[in-house]
Structure formats: C-alpha cells, structure tokens
C-alpha cells in the first residue's frame, strides 16, 4: 500500500470518529455517518466496511450485531468511551488522524 493511500485511510478514520462524536452518546446509522461525511465535504465514503472494522477492532466503536462485513446503511454504530478519549486527545493512535 502506498503512502498516499495510508494517509487517506488515517484521515477517513478520523473523519468517521469525529462524526460519531457529534452523535455521542447516542447510536447512529451508517447512513447518517455517510450523510454527515458528505456534508463535511468528504466525497468518497467508499470502503466504509474497512474503516469501521479498524475502528471496531481498536474498540473505538461498537457496531450493532457485532460485525461489519457487508455493512448496511441502517446498521447502527456507537462511539465508545475510548473513542471519546481519542477525539479529546486523551489518547493517541497513529492510525487515526483527527
């Protein structure tokens, strides 16, 4: 994977986390996340499964039903307390650019 793609991945993860922080402590749908990202000017919301899986594996989010493969727009996602710590920069993760 080239450096440009790695940087884009880190930025997209950060955008997803920041978006979920807007809804915290409530749960929101993947559709709402996509819409919020588009509103922020993020035109490519492709590969959401990959980014959500990463964030779930790091325990920054909880996904209803516990799996993400083939995520549907109405699947629900919640930011965890650890995810809030990341947004508030109480913790750092080199894999997420906020």
N, C-alpha and C. Protein backbone atom coordinates (compact mmCIF):
# COMPACT_ATOMS: atom_id res chain seq x y z
N UNK A 1 0.86 -1.17 0.00
CA UNK A 1 0.00 0.00 0.00
C UNK A 1 0.91 1.24 0.00
N UNK A 2 0.59 2.20 -0.85
CA UNK A 2 1.45 3.39 -0.94
C UNK A 2 1.12 4.39 0.17
N UNK A 3 2.04 5.33 0.39
CA UNK A 3 1.90 6.30 1.48
C UNK A 3 0.65 7.16 1.34
N UNK A 4 0.30 7.51 0.12
CA UNK A 4 -0.88 8.34 -0.11
C UNK A 4 -2.14 7.62 0.36
N UNK A 5 -2.27 6.34 0.06
CA UNK A 5 -3.44 5.58 0.48
C UNK A 5 -3.47 5.42 1.99
N UNK A 6 -2.32 5.19 2.60
CA UNK A 6 -2.24 5.05 4.06
C UNK A 6 -2.72 6.35 4.72
N UNK A 7 -2.27 7.48 4.21
CA UNK A 7 -2.67 8.78 4.75
C UNK A 7 -4.19 8.98 4.60
N UNK A 8 -4.72 8.64 3.44
CA UNK A 8 -6.17 8.76 3.21
C UNK A 8 -6.96 7.88 4.18
N UNK A 9 -6.47 6.67 4.42
CA UNK A 9 -7.13 5.76 5.37
C UNK A 9 -7.17 6.38 6.77
N UNK A 10 -6.04 6.91 7.22
CA UNK A 10 -5.96 7.51 8.55
C UNK A 10 -6.89 8.71 8.66
N UNK A 11 -6.95 9.52 7.61
CA UNK A 11 -7.82 10.69 7.62
C UNK A 11 -9.29 10.28 7.63
N UNK A 12 -9.66 9.27 6.86
CA UNK A 12 -11.04 8.82 6.83
C UNK A 12 -11.46 8.27 8.19
N UNK A 13 -10.58 7.51 8.83
CA UNK A 13 -10.90 7.01 10.18
C UNK A 13 -11.15 8.17 11.13
N UNK A 14 -10.33 9.20 11.03
CA UNK A 14 -10.51 10.38 11.87
C UNK A 14 -11.83 11.08 11.61
N UNK A 15 -12.20 11.19 10.34
CA UNK A 15 -13.46 11.82 9.99
C UNK A 15 -14.65 11.02 10.54
N UNK A 16 -14.55 9.71 10.46
CA UNK A 16 -15.63 8.87 10.99
C UNK A 16 -15.74 9.05 12.50
N UNK A 17 -14.62 9.04 13.21
CA UNK A 17 -14.62 9.21 14.67
C UNK A 17 -15.20 10.58 15.03
N UNK A 18 -14.76 11.63 14.35
CA UNK A 18 -15.27 12.98 14.63
C UNK A 18 -16.79 13.06 14.36
N UNK A 19 -17.23 12.39 13.33
CA UNK A 19 -18.66 12.37 13.01
C UNK A 19 -19.44 11.67 14.11
N UNK A 20 -18.95 10.54 14.55
CA UNK A 20 -19.64 9.81 15.62
C UNK A 20 -19.66 10.62 16.92
N UNK A 21 -18.65 11.43 17.14
CA UNK A 21 -18.60 12.28 18.33
C UNK A 21 -19.76 13.28 18.34
N UNK A 22 -20.22 13.68 17.16
CA UNK A 22 -21.36 14.60 17.07
C UNK A 22 -22.63 13.96 17.62
N UNK A 23 -22.74 12.65 17.49
CA UNK A 23 -23.94 11.93 17.92
C UNK A 23 -23.81 11.39 19.35
N UNK A 24 -22.61 11.33 19.88
CA UNK A 24 -22.36 10.73 21.20
C UNK A 24 -23.21 11.41 22.26
N UNK A 25 -23.84 10.67 23.15
CA UNK A 25 -23.72 9.24 23.43
C UNK A 25 -24.73 8.39 22.68
N UNK A 26 -25.45 8.99 21.75
CA UNK A 26 -26.45 8.24 21.01
C UNK A 26 -25.84 7.36 19.93
N UNK A 27 -26.59 6.37 19.54
CA UNK A 27 -26.24 5.48 18.44
C UNK A 27 -26.73 6.12 17.16
N UNK A 28 -26.02 5.89 16.06
CA UNK A 28 -26.45 6.41 14.77
C UNK A 28 -26.25 5.37 13.69
N UNK A 29 -26.88 5.58 12.56
CA UNK A 29 -26.79 4.62 11.47
C UNK A 29 -25.60 4.94 10.56
N UNK A 30 -25.18 3.95 9.83
CA UNK A 30 -24.12 4.14 8.85
C UNK A 30 -24.56 5.16 7.81
N UNK A 31 -25.83 5.16 7.48
CA UNK A 31 -26.37 6.14 6.54
C UNK A 31 -26.16 7.56 7.06
N UNK A 32 -26.42 7.78 8.34
CA UNK A 32 -26.20 9.11 8.93
C UNK A 32 -24.73 9.49 8.92
N UNK A 33 -23.87 8.53 9.14
CA UNK A 33 -22.42 8.79 9.09
C UNK A 33 -22.03 9.23 7.68
N UNK A 34 -22.50 8.48 6.68
CA UNK A 34 -22.19 8.83 5.29
C UNK A 34 -22.69 10.24 4.95
N UNK A 35 -23.92 10.54 5.35
CA UNK A 35 -24.50 11.86 5.07
C UNK A 35 -23.70 12.97 5.74
N UNK A 36 -23.33 12.75 6.99
CA UNK A 36 -22.54 13.76 7.71
C UNK A 36 -21.18 13.96 7.06
N UNK A 37 -20.56 12.87 6.60
CA UNK A 37 -19.26 12.99 5.93
C UNK A 37 -19.40 13.78 4.63
N UNK A 38 -20.44 13.51 3.87
CA UNK A 38 -20.67 14.24 2.62
C UNK A 38 -20.89 15.72 2.92
N UNK A 39 -21.64 16.02 3.99
CA UNK A 39 -21.87 17.40 4.40
C UNK A 39 -20.55 18.10 4.74
N UNK A 40 -19.62 17.33 5.32
CA UNK A 40 -18.30 17.88 5.67
C UNK A 40 -17.38 18.01 4.45
N UNK A 41 -17.85 17.53 3.30
CA UNK A 41 -17.04 17.64 2.09
C UNK A 41 -16.25 16.40 1.74
N UNK A 42 -16.46 15.32 2.49
CA UNK A 42 -15.79 14.06 2.18
C UNK A 42 -16.60 13.40 1.08
N UNK A 43 -16.06 13.40 -0.12
CA UNK A 43 -16.83 12.92 -1.27
C UNK A 43 -16.72 11.42 -1.47
N UNK A 44 -15.72 10.81 -0.90
CA UNK A 44 -15.54 9.37 -1.07
C UNK A 44 -15.79 8.66 0.24
N UNK A 45 -16.96 8.04 0.36
CA UNK A 45 -17.25 7.28 1.57
C UNK A 45 -17.14 5.78 1.28
N UNK A 46 -16.46 5.44 0.20
CA UNK A 46 -16.24 4.04 -0.13
C UNK A 46 -15.37 3.36 0.91
N UNK A 47 -15.39 2.08 0.91
CA UNK A 47 -14.59 1.26 1.83
C UNK A 47 -14.94 1.52 3.31
N UNK A 48 -16.19 1.91 3.57
CA UNK A 48 -16.60 2.15 4.95
C UNK A 48 -16.41 0.90 5.80
N UNK A 49 -16.69 -0.27 5.22
CA UNK A 49 -16.53 -1.52 5.97
C UNK A 49 -15.12 -1.62 6.54
N UNK A 50 -14.15 -1.34 5.71
CA UNK A 50 -12.74 -1.45 6.12
C UNK A 50 -12.43 -0.50 7.27
N UNK A 51 -12.87 0.74 7.15
CA UNK A 51 -12.58 1.74 8.19
C UNK A 51 -13.34 1.44 9.48
N UNK A 52 -14.60 1.03 9.36
CA UNK A 52 -15.37 0.69 10.54
C UNK A 52 -14.80 -0.54 11.24
N UNK A 53 -14.33 -1.50 10.47
CA UNK A 53 -13.72 -2.69 11.06
C UNK A 53 -12.48 -2.31 11.87
N UNK A 54 -11.65 -1.45 11.31
CA UNK A 54 -10.45 -0.99 12.02
C UNK A 54 -10.85 -0.34 13.34
N UNK A 55 -11.80 0.59 13.28
CA UNK A 55 -12.22 1.31 14.49
C UNK A 55 -12.86 0.39 15.51
N UNK A 56 -13.59 -0.61 15.04
CA UNK A 56 -14.19 -1.60 15.94
C UNK A 56 -13.11 -2.45 16.59
N UNK A 57 -12.14 -2.89 15.79
CA UNK A 57 -11.05 -3.71 16.33
C UNK A 57 -10.25 -2.96 17.40
N UNK A 58 -10.16 -1.65 17.25
CA UNK A 58 -9.45 -0.82 18.23
C UNK A 58 -10.33 -0.46 19.42
N UNK A 59 -11.60 -0.89 19.37
CA UNK A 59 -12.58 -0.65 20.43
C UNK A 59 -12.97 0.82 20.58
N UNK A 60 -12.92 1.56 19.46
CA UNK A 60 -13.37 2.95 19.44
C UNK A 60 -14.86 3.05 19.15
N UNK A 61 -15.41 2.00 18.54
CA UNK A 61 -16.84 1.97 18.21
C UNK A 61 -17.42 0.61 18.55
N UNK A 62 -18.74 0.60 18.68
CA UNK A 62 -19.50 -0.64 18.82
C UNK A 62 -20.48 -0.68 17.66
N UNK A 63 -20.57 -1.82 17.02
CA UNK A 63 -21.49 -1.99 15.90
C UNK A 63 -22.57 -2.98 16.32
N UNK A 64 -23.83 -2.59 16.10
CA UNK A 64 -24.93 -3.49 16.42
C UNK A 64 -24.71 -4.81 15.69
N UNK A 65 -24.98 -5.89 16.33
CA UNK A 65 -24.79 -7.25 15.84
C UNK A 65 -23.32 -7.67 15.86
N UNK A 66 -22.41 -6.73 16.14
CA UNK A 66 -21.02 -7.09 16.34
C UNK A 66 -20.19 -7.39 15.11
N UNK A 67 -20.74 -7.22 13.93
CA UNK A 67 -19.93 -7.46 12.74
C UNK A 67 -20.19 -6.37 11.71
N UNK A 68 -19.25 -6.19 10.80
CA UNK A 68 -19.34 -5.09 9.85
C UNK A 68 -19.38 -5.57 8.42
N UNK A 69 -18.86 -6.74 8.15
CA UNK A 69 -18.79 -7.19 6.76
C UNK A 69 -20.13 -6.98 6.07
N UNK A 70 -20.06 -6.34 4.92
CA UNK A 70 -21.27 -6.00 4.16
C UNK A 70 -22.23 -5.14 4.97
N UNK A 71 -21.68 -4.13 5.63
CA UNK A 71 -22.48 -3.23 6.46
C UNK A 71 -23.61 -2.61 5.63
N UNK A 72 -24.75 -2.53 6.23
CA UNK A 72 -25.93 -1.93 5.61
C UNK A 72 -26.08 -0.50 6.13
N UNK A 73 -26.72 0.34 5.34
CA UNK A 73 -26.88 1.73 5.73
C UNK A 73 -27.67 1.90 7.02
N UNK A 74 -28.54 0.93 7.36
CA UNK A 74 -29.32 1.07 8.58
C UNK A 74 -28.67 0.38 9.78
N UNK A 75 -27.47 -0.19 9.60
CA UNK A 75 -26.74 -0.75 10.74
C UNK A 75 -26.35 0.38 11.69
N UNK A 76 -26.39 0.11 12.97
CA UNK A 76 -26.18 1.14 13.98
C UNK A 76 -24.77 1.08 14.57
N UNK A 77 -24.21 2.26 14.83
CA UNK A 77 -22.84 2.39 15.33
C UNK A 77 -22.85 3.36 16.51
N UNK A 78 -22.06 3.05 17.54
CA UNK A 78 -21.94 3.89 18.72
C UNK A 78 -20.47 4.14 19.01
N UNK A 79 -20.14 5.37 19.33
CA UNK A 79 -18.80 5.72 19.78
C UNK A 79 -18.65 5.24 21.22
N UNK A 80 -17.51 4.65 21.55
CA UNK A 80 -17.26 4.19 22.92
C UNK A 80 -16.55 5.28 23.71
N UNK A 81 -16.41 5.06 25.01
CA UNK A 81 -15.66 6.00 25.85
C UNK A 81 -14.22 6.12 25.36
N UNK A 82 -13.66 5.01 24.90
CA UNK A 82 -12.30 5.05 24.35
C UNK A 82 -12.26 5.91 23.09
N UNK A 83 -13.31 5.84 22.29
CA UNK A 83 -13.41 6.69 21.11
C UNK A 83 -13.49 8.17 21.48
N UNK A 84 -14.21 8.48 22.54
CA UNK A 84 -14.28 9.85 23.04
C UNK A 84 -12.90 10.31 23.49
N UNK A 85 -12.18 9.44 24.19
CA UNK A 85 -10.82 9.77 24.61
C UNK A 85 -9.94 10.10 23.42
N UNK A 86 -10.12 9.38 22.33
CA UNK A 86 -9.35 9.64 21.11
C UNK A 86 -9.69 11.02 20.54
N UNK A 87 -10.97 11.34 20.47
CA UNK A 87 -11.41 12.65 19.96
C UNK A 87 -10.87 13.77 20.84
N UNK A 88 -10.91 13.56 22.14
CA UNK A 88 -10.45 14.58 23.08
C UNK A 88 -8.94 14.58 23.25
N UNK A 89 -8.27 13.70 22.52
CA UNK A 89 -6.81 13.57 22.52
C UNK A 89 -6.24 13.21 23.89
N UNK A 90 -7.05 12.51 24.69
CA UNK A 90 -6.57 11.94 25.94
C UNK A 90 -5.65 10.76 25.62
N UNK A 91 -5.97 10.08 24.51
CA UNK A 91 -5.11 9.01 23.98
C UNK A 91 -4.77 9.33 22.54
N UNK A 92 -3.71 8.74 22.05
CA UNK A 92 -3.27 8.94 20.68
C UNK A 92 -3.30 7.62 19.94
N UNK A 93 -3.51 7.67 18.64
CA UNK A 93 -3.43 6.49 17.79
C UNK A 93 -2.82 6.93 16.47
N UNK A 94 -1.65 6.40 16.13
CA UNK A 94 -1.01 6.81 14.88
C UNK A 94 -1.78 6.35 13.65
N UNK A 95 -2.79 5.51 13.83
CA UNK A 95 -3.59 5.03 12.72
C UNK A 95 -4.83 5.88 12.44
N UNK A 96 -5.00 6.95 13.23
CA UNK A 96 -6.16 7.82 13.07
C UNK A 96 -5.69 9.28 13.11
N UNK A 97 -6.00 10.02 12.06
CA UNK A 97 -5.69 11.46 12.03
C UNK A 97 -6.98 12.23 12.25
N UNK A 98 -7.00 12.97 13.35
CA UNK A 98 -8.20 13.75 13.70
C UNK A 98 -8.13 15.16 13.16
